[in-house]
Amino acid sequence: MKFPRLWGRIGGRYVSYWSDNLMTNRRFMPNFLHQFFKSGNPAMNSHIQRLLPPFTTALLFFTACSTPHVDLQSGDRIIFLGDSITMQGDQPGGYVTIVRDTLTARHPDLGLEIIGAGISGNKVPNLQDRLHRDVLSKEPTIVFIYIGINDVWHSLKPQGGTPRNRYETGLRSILSRITGSGARAVLCTPSVIGERYDGANSLDTMLDEYSTASRQVARELEIPLLDLRKAFIRYLRNHNPDNLEKGILTYDGVHLNEAGNRLVAGEVLWTLGERGIK
């Protein structure tokens, strides 16, 4: 039966997930399907397919394939590379700080090190220029890249943004250099420039195009993707009833407030196979 091999190729690699509550933890179904399909047992596969309606089977299958996950390992050095959002995220209450405090409290035996490497105003070409100095020279094992806001936002400013082709080429270079060093990379899509959730922010169209480019690059290079763009829009649809331009997840439409930092930290923790924060 060819299905198990197809599963492995689409999913990238098999991983297992722990769960406090199997029926409510969103990582249960990917693990559930994996445990049965990887066995290659035609009778068991046939039994599972009879139990689940075709639509549900397809939905769970694609959920499993798209769920990003990076296993934490002892001695991991995790670097967050980005712009002013990440620079501020390394301050008290910021998302990098929340991730650091949460992981070190939960796993004191792993000897984890979490480093913020954000610089205000940075775009993809800036990350290319300083990648060795600020990231590779520190020999990380996991690198999160949260970039793209200024590549779009600065198109309205004198310094200019980043053309999309250079944006894509730069991301490929950054990710290839990181993985070539032996580290694991996670690419984040840019989040928001304005918090209206209905496409009414002036740069929404361009930001969506660049987010799509990030997704395409991650898919081509088989890099885990943390889709912050979708996470932010989903949150804003539920928590911004007046469709305000700012003040829900950001204090100025771009930079994270307390809720925004907690949202990003929670998404990062999920990507690392951890439960969220309360």
C-alpha atoms as a PDB file:
ATOM      1  CA  MET A   1       0.000   0.000   0.000  1.00  0.00           C
ATOM      2  CA  LYS A   2       1.500   3.325  -1.077  1.00  0.00           C
ATOM      3  CA  PHE A   3      -0.367   5.677   1.281  1.00  0.00           C
ATOM      4  CA  PRO A   4       2.050   5.471   4.256  1.00  0.00           C
ATOM      5  CA  ARG A   5       4.990   6.439   2.033  1.00  0.00           C
ATOM      6  CA  LEU A   6       3.028   9.358   0.574  1.00  0.00           C
ATOM      7  CA  TRP A   7       2.229  10.487   4.103  1.00  0.00           C
ATOM      8  CA  GLY A   8       5.871  10.585   5.062  1.00  0.00           C
ATOM      9  CA  ARG A   9       6.819  12.571   1.983  1.00  0.00           C
ATOM     10  CA  ILE A  10       4.115  15.205   2.493  1.00  0.00           C
ATOM     11  CA  GLY A  11       4.516  15.450   6.215  1.00  0.00           C
ATOM     12  CA  GLY A  12       8.278  15.887   5.942  1.00  0.00           C
ATOM     13  CA  ARG A  13       9.180  13.668   8.893  1.00  0.00           C
ATOM     14  CA  TYR A  14       7.357  11.707  11.519  1.00  0.00           C
ATOM     15  CA  VAL A  15       7.157  13.225  14.958  1.00  0.00           C
ATOM     16  CA  SER A  16       5.259  12.260  18.105  1.00  0.00           C
ATOM     17  CA  TYR A  17       3.269  14.515  20.394  1.00  0.00           C
ATOM     18  CA  TRP A  18       2.399  14.319  24.096  1.00  0.00           C
ATOM     19  CA  SER A  19      -0.998  15.409  25.335  1.00  0.00           C
ATOM     20  CA  ASP A  20      -2.634  16.299  28.629  1.00  0.00           C
ATOM     21  CA  ASN A  21      -6.064  15.775  27.084  1.00  0.00           C
ATOM     22  CA  LEU A  22      -6.159  13.652  23.957  1.00  0.00           C
ATOM     23  CA  MET A  23      -9.491  14.929  22.734  1.00  0.00           C
ATOM     24  CA  THR A  24      -8.803  18.640  23.151  1.00  0.00           C
ATOM     25  CA  ASN A  25      -5.075  18.922  22.433  1.00  0.00           C
ATOM     26  CA  ARG A  26      -4.688  19.976  18.792  1.00  0.00           C
ATOM     27  CA  ARG A  27      -1.612  17.755  18.434  1.00  0.00           C
ATOM     28  CA  PHE A  28      -3.556  14.568  19.219  1.00  0.00           C
ATOM     29  CA  MET A  29      -4.933  13.854  15.756  1.00  0.00           C
ATOM     30  CA  PRO A  30      -1.624  14.223  13.868  1.00  0.00           C
ATOM     31  CA  ASN A  31      -0.075  11.770  16.342  1.00  0.00           C
ATOM     32  CA  PHE A  32      -3.136   9.480  16.200  1.00  0.00           C
ATOM     33  CA  LEU A  33      -2.999   9.214  12.418  1.00  0.00           C
ATOM     34  CA  HIS A  34       0.758   8.847  12.441  1.00  0.00           C
ATOM     35  CA  GLN A  35       0.721   5.941  14.886  1.00  0.00           C
ATOM     36  CA  PHE A  36      -1.692   3.993  12.700  1.00  0.00           C
ATOM     37  CA  PHE A  37      -0.499   4.906   9.226  1.00  0.00           C
ATOM     38  CA  LYS A  38       3.209   4.525   9.857  1.00  0.00           C
ATOM     39  CA  SER A  39       2.695   0.871  10.777  1.00  0.00           C
ATOM     40  CA  GLY A  40       1.922   0.098   7.154  1.00  0.00           C
ATOM     41  CA  ASN A  41      -0.729  -2.389   8.309  1.00  0.00           C
ATOM     42  CA  PRO A  42      -3.293  -2.511   5.450  1.00  0.00           C
ATOM     43  CA  ALA A  43      -5.978  -4.085   7.652  1.00  0.00           C
ATOM     44  CA  MET A  44      -5.599  -1.391  10.318  1.00  0.00           C
ATOM     45  CA  ASN A  45      -5.494   1.397   7.734  1.00  0.00           C
ATOM     46  CA  SER A  46      -8.649   0.041   6.126  1.00  0.00           C
ATOM     47  CA  HIS A  47     -10.340  -0.182   9.522  1.00  0.00           C
ATOM     48  CA  ILE A  48      -9.504   3.440  10.360  1.00  0.00           C
ATOM     49  CA  GLN A  49     -10.736   4.620   6.963  1.00  0.00           C
ATOM     50  CA  ARG A  50     -14.078   2.843   7.519  1.00  0.00           C
ATOM     51  CA  LEU A  51     -14.439   4.450  10.950  1.00  0.00           C
ATOM     52  CA  LEU A  52     -13.835   8.018   9.781  1.00  0.00           C
ATOM     53  CA  PRO A  53     -16.043   9.760   7.204  1.00  0.00           C
ATOM     54  CA  PRO A  54     -14.080  10.669   4.056  1.00  0.00           C
ATOM     55  CA  PHE A  55     -14.327  14.414   4.701  1.00  0.00           C
ATOM     56  CA  THR A  56     -13.087  14.065   8.279  1.00  0.00           C
ATOM     57  CA  THR A  57     -10.229  11.838   7.163  1.00  0.00           C
ATOM     58  CA  ALA A  58      -9.105  14.420   4.606  1.00  0.00           C
ATOM     59  CA  LEU A  59      -9.424  17.283   7.081  1.00  0.00           C
ATOM     60  CA  LEU A  60      -7.372  15.531   9.736  1.00  0.00           C
ATOM     61  CA  PHE A  61      -4.807  14.448   7.161  1.00  0.00           C
ATOM     62  CA  PHE A  62      -4.101  17.989   5.981  1.00  0.00           C
ATOM     63  CA  THR A  63      -4.117  19.278   9.569  1.00  0.00           C
ATOM     64  CA  ALA A  64      -1.462  16.734  10.453  1.00  0.00           C
ATOM     65  CA  CYS A  65       0.677  17.635   7.469  1.00  0.00           C
ATOM     66  CA  SER A  66       0.554  21.386   8.121  1.00  0.00           C
ATOM     67  CA  THR A  67       1.130  21.363  11.872  1.00  0.00           C
ATOM     68  CA  PRO A  68       4.603  22.796  12.470  1.00  0.00           C
ATOM     69  CA  HIS A  69       6.625  21.138  15.165  1.00  0.00           C
ATOM     70  CA  VAL A  70      10.238  21.279  16.273  1.00  0.00           C
ATOM     71  CA  ASP A  71      11.325  18.916  19.036  1.00  0.00           C
ATOM     72  CA  LEU A  72      13.141  20.439  21.988  1.00  0.00           C
ATOM     73  CA  GLN A  73      16.407  18.721  22.839  1.00  0.00           C
ATOM     74  CA  SER A  74      18.810  18.950  25.731  1.00  0.00           C
ATOM     75  CA  GLY A  75      21.206  21.868  25.381  1.00  0.00           C
ATOM     76  CA  ASP A  76      19.208  23.634  22.668  1.00  0.00           C
ATOM     77  CA  ARG A  77      20.277  27.198  21.946  1.00  0.00           C
ATOM     78  CA  ILE A  78      17.303  29.023  20.410  1.00  0.00           C
ATOM     79  CA  ILE A  79      17.800  32.348  18.643  1.00  0.00           C
ATOM     80  CA  PHE A  80      15.004  34.710  17.620  1.00  0.00           C
ATOM     81  CA  LEU A  81      16.119  36.741  14.607  1.00  0.00           C
ATOM     82  CA  GLY A  82      14.139  39.761  13.515  1.00  0.00           C
ATOM     83  CA  ASP A  83      13.436  43.470  13.656  1.00  0.00           C
ATOM     84  CA  SER A  84      12.170  45.865  16.362  1.00  0.00           C
ATOM     85  CA  ILE A  85       9.291  43.526  17.230  1.00  0.00           C
ATOM     86  CA  THR A  86      11.831  40.917  18.279  1.00  0.00           C
ATOM     87  CA  MET A  87      14.129  43.507  19.834  1.00  0.00           C
ATOM     88  CA  GLN A  88      11.260  44.681  22.058  1.00  0.00           C
ATOM     89  CA  GLY A  89      10.279  41.043  22.524  1.00  0.00           C
ATOM     90  CA  ASP A  90      13.510  40.464  24.432  1.00  0.00           C
ATOM     91  CA  GLN A  91      12.522  43.036  27.043  1.00  0.00           C
ATOM     92  CA  PRO A  92      10.449  42.291  30.184  1.00  0.00           C
ATOM     93  CA  GLY A  93       7.020  41.075  29.124  1.00  0.00           C
ATOM     94  CA  GLY A  94       8.113  40.537  25.524  1.00  0.00           C
ATOM     95  CA  TYR A  95       7.465  37.342  23.619  1.00  0.00           C
ATOM     96  CA  VAL A  96      11.095  36.188  23.671  1.00  0.00           C
ATOM     97  CA  THR A  97      11.225  36.756  27.425  1.00  0.00           C
ATOM     98  CA  ILE A  98       7.953  34.867  27.938  1.00  0.00           C
ATOM     99  CA  VAL A  99       9.248  31.919  25.914  1.00  0.00           C
ATOM    100  CA  ARG A 100      12.548  31.969  27.829  1.00  0.00           C
ATOM    101  CA  ASP A 101      10.876  32.103  31.241  1.00  0.00           C
ATOM    102  CA  THR A 102       8.315  29.443  30.332  1.00  0.00           C
ATOM    103  CA  LEU A 103      10.757  26.931  28.873  1.00  0.00           C
ATOM    104  CA  THR A 104      13.377  27.293  31.593  1.00  0.00           C
ATOM    105  CA  ALA A 105      10.686  26.857  34.260  1.00  0.00           C
ATOM    106  CA  ARG A 106       9.202  23.788  32.586  1.00  0.00           C
ATOM    107  CA  HIS A 107      12.486  22.163  31.580  1.00  0.00           C
ATOM    108  CA  PRO A 108      15.232  23.179  34.005  1.00  0.00           C
ATOM    109  CA  ASP A 109      17.029  19.916  33.253  1.00  0.00           C
ATOM    110  CA  LEU A 110      17.426  20.628  29.526  1.00  0.00           C
ATOM    111  CA  GLY A 111      19.854  23.529  29.905  1.00  0.00           C
ATOM    112  CA  LEU A 112      18.089  25.617  27.278  1.00  0.00           C
ATOM    113  CA  GLU A 113      19.451  28.992  26.151  1.00  0.00           C
ATOM    114  CA  ILE A 114      17.159  31.529  24.473  1.00  0.00           C
ATOM    115  CA  ILE A 115      18.704  34.541  22.726  1.00  0.00           C
ATOM    116  CA  GLY A 116      17.006  37.565  21.172  1.00  0.00           C
ATOM    117  CA  ALA A 117      18.623  38.964  18.020  1.00  0.00           C
ATOM    118  CA  GLY A 118      16.257  41.687  16.868  1.00  0.00           C
ATOM    119  CA  ILE A 119      17.360  45.081  15.539  1.00  0.00           C
ATOM    120  CA  SER A 120      14.990  47.959  14.865  1.00  0.00           C
ATOM    121  CA  GLY A 121      14.329  48.730  11.212  1.00  0.00           C
ATOM    122  CA  ASN A 122      15.735  45.472   9.901  1.00  0.00           C
ATOM    123  CA  LYS A 123      14.538  43.944   6.663  1.00  0.00           C
ATOM    124  CA  VAL A 124      15.509  40.687   4.967  1.00  0.00           C
ATOM    125  CA  PRO A 125      18.733  42.114   3.413  1.00  0.00           C
ATOM    126  CA  ASN A 126      19.834  43.300   6.877  1.00  0.00           C
ATOM    127  CA  LEU A 127      19.368  39.804   8.265  1.00  0.00           C
ATOM    128  CA  GLN A 128      21.482  38.418   5.435  1.00  0.00           C
ATOM    129  CA  ASP A 129      24.269  40.850   6.262  1.00  0.00           C
ATOM    130  CA  ARG A 130      24.411  40.094   9.976  1.00  0.00           C
ATOM    131  CA  LEU A 131      23.439  36.417   9.978  1.00  0.00           C
ATOM    132  CA  HIS A 132      26.929  35.128  10.716  1.00  0.00           C
ATOM    133  CA  ARG A 133      27.741  37.724  13.353  1.00  0.00           C
ATOM    134  CA  ASP A 134      24.487  37.580  15.291  1.00  0.00           C
ATOM    135  CA  VAL A 135      23.326  34.013  14.686  1.00  0.00           C
ATOM    136  CA  LEU A 136      25.636  31.457  13.110  1.00  0.00           C
ATOM    137  CA  SER A 137      28.687  32.429  15.180  1.00  0.00           C
ATOM    138  CA  LYS A 138      26.687  31.579  18.305  1.00  0.00           C
ATOM    139  CA  GLU A 139      26.105  28.016  17.042  1.00  0.00           C
ATOM    140  CA  PRO A 140      22.340  27.831  17.575  1.00  0.00           C
ATOM    141  CA  THR A 141      20.356  24.628  17.290  1.00  0.00           C
ATOM    142  CA  ILE A 142      17.010  26.336  16.516  1.00  0.00           C
ATOM    143  CA  VAL A 143      16.440  29.711  14.833  1.00  0.00           C
ATOM    144  CA  PHE A 144      13.104  31.516  14.541  1.00  0.00           C
ATOM    145  CA  ILE A 145      13.020  34.160  11.791  1.00  0.00           C
ATOM    146  CA  TYR A 146      10.274  36.764  12.325  1.00  0.00           C
ATOM    147  CA  ILE A 147      10.696  39.267   9.492  1.00  0.00           C
ATOM    148  CA  GLY A 148       8.822  41.020   6.707  1.00  0.00           C
ATOM    149  CA  ILE A 149       7.055  43.953   8.338  1.00  0.00           C
ATOM    150  CA  ASN A 150       9.644  46.580   7.376  1.00  0.00           C
ATOM    151  CA  ASP A 151      10.137  45.015   3.939  1.00  0.00           C
ATOM    152  CA  VAL A 152       6.526  46.062   3.297  1.00  0.00           C
ATOM    153  CA  TRP A 153       6.031  49.048   5.652  1.00  0.00           C
ATOM    154  CA  HIS A 154       9.137  50.903   4.473  1.00  0.00           C
ATOM    155  CA  SER A 155       7.760  50.989   0.937  1.00  0.00           C
ATOM    156  CA  LEU A 156       5.940  54.107   2.192  1.00  0.00           C
ATOM    157  CA  LYS A 157       9.080  55.623   3.697  1.00  0.00           C
ATOM    158  CA  PRO A 158      12.183  57.286   2.210  1.00  0.00           C
ATOM    159  CA  GLN A 159      14.433  54.294   2.955  1.00  0.00           C
ATOM    160  CA  GLY A 160      12.222  52.068   0.822  1.00  0.00           C
ATOM    161  CA  GLY A 161      11.052  48.500   1.287  1.00  0.00           C
ATOM    162  CA  THR A 162      12.352  45.274  -0.224  1.00  0.00           C
ATOM    163  CA  PRO A 163      11.247  44.163  -3.703  1.00  0.00           C
ATOM    164  CA  ARG A 164       9.434  40.867  -3.523  1.00  0.00           C
ATOM    165  CA  ASN A 165      11.958  38.961  -5.627  1.00  0.00           C
ATOM    166  CA  ARG A 166      14.791  40.132  -3.363  1.00  0.00           C
ATOM    167  CA  TYR A 167      12.668  39.293  -0.325  1.00  0.00           C
ATOM    168  CA  GLU A 168      12.186  35.716  -1.518  1.00  0.00           C
ATOM    169  CA  THR A 169      15.811  35.284  -2.579  1.00  0.00           C
ATOM    170  CA  GLY A 170      17.006  36.672   0.737  1.00  0.00           C
ATOM    171  CA  LEU A 171      14.782  34.318   2.745  1.00  0.00           C
ATOM    172  CA  ARG A 172      16.059  31.332   0.780  1.00  0.00           C
ATOM    173  CA  SER A 173      19.640  32.382   1.448  1.00  0.00           C
ATOM    174  CA  ILE A 174      19.057  32.922   5.174  1.00  0.00           C
ATOM    175  CA  LEU A 175      17.251  29.613   5.631  1.00  0.00           C
ATOM    176  CA  SER A 176      19.769  27.655   3.574  1.00  0.00           C
ATOM    177  CA  ARG A 177      22.677  29.067   5.561  1.00  0.00           C
ATOM    178  CA  ILE A 178      20.968  28.252   8.848  1.00  0.00           C
ATOM    179  CA  THR A 179      20.108  24.679   7.925  1.00  0.00           C
ATOM    180  CA  GLY A 180      23.505  24.277   6.298  1.00  0.00           C
ATOM    181  CA  SER A 181      25.084  25.024   9.665  1.00  0.00           C
ATOM    182  CA  GLY A 182      23.170  22.116  11.189  1.00  0.00           C
ATOM    183  CA  ALA A 183      20.559  24.240  12.975  1.00  0.00           C
ATOM    184  CA  ARG A 184      16.817  23.869  12.584  1.00  0.00           C
ATOM    185  CA  ALA A 185      14.921  26.889  11.273  1.00  0.00           C
ATOM    186  CA  VAL A 186      11.348  28.104  11.716  1.00  0.00           C
ATOM    187  CA  LEU A 187      10.106  30.854   9.401  1.00  0.00           C
ATOM    188  CA  CYS A 188       7.373  33.196  10.637  1.00  0.00           C
ATOM    189  CA  THR A 189       5.117  35.136   8.328  1.00  0.00           C
ATOM    190  CA  PRO A 190       4.889  38.892   9.024  1.00  0.00           C
ATOM    191  CA  SER A 191       1.980  39.746  11.305  1.00  0.00           C
ATOM    192  CA  VAL A 192       0.128  43.059  10.849  1.00  0.00           C
ATOM    193  CA  ILE A 193       0.502  46.657   9.730  1.00  0.00           C
ATOM    194  CA  GLY A 194      -2.797  47.864  11.114  1.00  0.00           C
ATOM    195  CA  GLU A 195      -5.259  45.671  13.003  1.00  0.00           C
ATOM    196  CA  ARG A 196      -8.396  45.909  10.897  1.00  0.00           C
ATOM    197  CA  TYR A 197      -9.174  42.288  10.102  1.00  0.00           C
ATOM    198  CA  ASP A 198     -11.199  42.821   6.897  1.00  0.00           C
ATOM    199  CA  GLY A 199      -8.404  43.887   4.548  1.00  0.00           C
ATOM    200  CA  ALA A 200      -9.035  47.603   5.130  1.00  0.00           C
ATOM    201  CA  ASN A 201      -5.487  48.458   6.294  1.00  0.00           C
ATOM    202  CA  SER A 202      -3.618  50.334   3.578  1.00  0.00           C
ATOM    203  CA  LEU A 203      -0.842  47.752   3.195  1.00  0.00           C
ATOM    204  CA  ASP A 204      -2.896  44.582   3.654  1.00  0.00           C
ATOM    205  CA  THR A 205      -2.696  43.501   0.009  1.00  0.00           C
ATOM    206  CA  MET A 206       1.076  43.861  -0.121  1.00  0.00           C
ATOM    207  CA  LEU A 207       1.520  42.261   3.294  1.00  0.00           C
ATOM    208  CA  ASP A 208      -0.584  39.281   2.212  1.00  0.00           C
ATOM    209  CA  GLU A 209       1.571  38.909  -0.905  1.00  0.00           C
ATOM    210  CA  TYR A 210       4.760  38.865   1.149  1.00  0.00           C
ATOM    211  CA  SER A 211       3.209  36.429   3.625  1.00  0.00           C
ATOM    212  CA  THR A 212       2.362  34.170   0.696  1.00  0.00           C
ATOM    213  CA  ALA A 213       5.972  34.448  -0.454  1.00  0.00           C
ATOM    214  CA  SER A 214       7.181  33.375   2.995  1.00  0.00           C
ATOM    215  CA  ARG A 215       4.857  30.372   2.917  1.00  0.00           C
ATOM    216  CA  GLN A 216       6.083  29.386  -0.529  1.00  0.00           C
ATOM    217  CA  VAL A 217       9.744  29.615   0.464  1.00  0.00           C
ATOM    218  CA  ALA A 218       9.146  27.565   3.611  1.00  0.00           C
ATOM    219  CA  ARG A 219       7.294  24.932   1.615  1.00  0.00           C
ATOM    220  CA  GLU A 220       9.959  24.754  -1.096  1.00  0.00           C
ATOM    221  CA  LEU A 221      12.767  24.354   1.443  1.00  0.00           C
ATOM    222  CA  GLU A 222      10.695  22.084   3.730  1.00  0.00           C
ATOM    223  CA  ILE A 223      11.114  24.511   6.618  1.00  0.00           C
ATOM    224  CA  PRO A 224       8.520  24.604   9.434  1.00  0.00           C
ATOM    225  CA  LEU A 225       6.282  27.642   9.082  1.00  0.00           C
ATOM    226  CA  LEU A 226       4.783  29.630  11.939  1.00  0.00           C
ATOM    227  CA  ASP A 227       1.973  31.542  10.246  1.00  0.00           C
ATOM    228  CA  LEU A 228       1.637  34.596  12.467  1.00  0.00           C
ATOM    229  CA  ARG A 229      -0.274  36.464   9.768  1.00  0.00           C
ATOM    230  CA  LYS A 230      -3.119  33.954   9.960  1.00  0.00           C
ATOM    231  CA  ALA A 231      -2.911  33.719  13.754  1.00  0.00           C
ATOM    232  CA  PHE A 232      -3.242  37.504  14.121  1.00  0.00           C
ATOM    233  CA  ILE A 233      -6.155  37.810  11.688  1.00  0.00           C
ATOM    234  CA  ARG A 234      -7.948  34.916  13.362  1.00  0.00           C
ATOM    235  CA  TYR A 235      -7.510  36.531  16.780  1.00  0.00           C
ATOM    236  CA  LEU A 236      -8.589  39.968  15.548  1.00  0.00           C
ATOM    237  CA  ARG A 237     -11.776  38.615  13.983  1.00  0.00           C
ATOM    238  CA  ASN A 238     -12.743  37.320  17.406  1.00  0.00           C
ATOM    239  CA  HIS A 239     -11.447  40.149  19.626  1.00  0.00           C
ATOM    240  CA  ASN A 240     -11.729  43.347  17.586  1.00  0.00           C
ATOM    241  CA  PRO A 241     -15.506  43.858  17.228  1.00  0.00           C
ATOM    242  CA  ASP A 242     -15.105  47.539  16.334  1.00  0.00           C
ATOM    243  CA  ASN A 243     -12.453  46.732  13.704  1.00  0.00           C
ATOM    244  CA  LEU A 244      -9.996  49.186  15.269  1.00  0.00           C
ATOM    245  CA  GLU A 245      -6.686  49.976  13.590  1.00  0.00           C
ATOM    246  CA  LYS A 246      -4.646  49.418  16.752  1.00  0.00           C
ATOM    247  CA  GLY A 247      -4.857  48.650  20.447  1.00  0.00           C
ATOM    248  CA  ILE A 248      -5.832  44.976  20.373  1.00  0.00           C
ATOM    249  CA  LEU A 249      -2.530  43.171  19.774  1.00  0.00           C
ATOM    250  CA  THR A 250      -0.345  46.210  19.088  1.00  0.00           C
ATOM    251  CA  TYR A 251       0.043  49.687  20.535  1.00  0.00           C
ATOM    252  CA  ASP A 252       0.654  51.348  17.168  1.00  0.00           C
ATOM    253  CA  GLY A 253      -0.634  48.914  14.552  1.00  0.00           C
ATOM    254  CA  VAL A 254       2.719  47.104  14.319  1.00  0.00           C
ATOM    255  CA  HIS A 255       4.586  46.683  17.612  1.00  0.00           C
ATOM    256  CA  LEU A 256       3.206  44.226  20.123  1.00  0.00           C
ATOM    257  CA  ASN A 257       1.418  45.134  23.311  1.00  0.00           C
ATOM    258  CA  GLU A 258       0.965  42.685  26.191  1.00  0.00           C
ATOM    259  CA  ALA A 259      -1.707  40.659  24.404  1.00  0.00           C
ATOM    260  CA  GLY A 260       0.324  40.550  21.198  1.00  0.00           C
ATOM    261  CA  ASN A 261       3.450  39.351  22.966  1.00  0.00           C
ATOM    262  CA  ARG A 262       1.464  36.624  24.709  1.00  0.00           C
ATOM    263  CA  LEU A 263      -0.109  35.540  21.436  1.00  0.00           C
ATOM    264  CA  VAL A 264       3.251  35.240  19.674  1.00  0.00           C
ATOM    265  CA  ALA A 265       4.817  33.492  22.672  1.00  0.00           C
ATOM    266  CA  GLY A 266       1.959  30.997  22.723  1.00  0.00           C
ATOM    267  CA  GLU A 267       2.354  30.260  19.008  1.00  0.00           C
ATOM    268  CA  VAL A 268       6.100  29.763  19.439  1.00  0.00           C
ATOM    269  CA  LEU A 269       5.516  27.364  22.315  1.00  0.00           C
ATOM    270  CA  TRP A 270       3.034  25.345  20.252  1.00  0.00           C
ATOM    271  CA  THR A 271       5.615  25.132  17.479  1.00  0.00           C
ATOM    272  CA  LEU A 272       8.074  23.706  19.997  1.00  0.00           C
ATOM    273  CA  GLY A 273       5.567  21.039  21.002  1.00  0.00           C
ATOM    274  CA  GLU A 274       4.638  22.804  24.222  1.00  0.00           C
ATOM    275  CA  ARG A 275       1.245  23.618  25.663  1.00  0.00           C
ATOM    276  CA  GLY A 276       0.308  27.272  25.535  1.00  0.00           C
ATOM    277  CA  ILE A 277       0.419  29.859  28.293  1.00  0.00           C
ATOM    278  CA  LYS A 278      -2.514  30.833  30.503  1.00  0.00           C
END
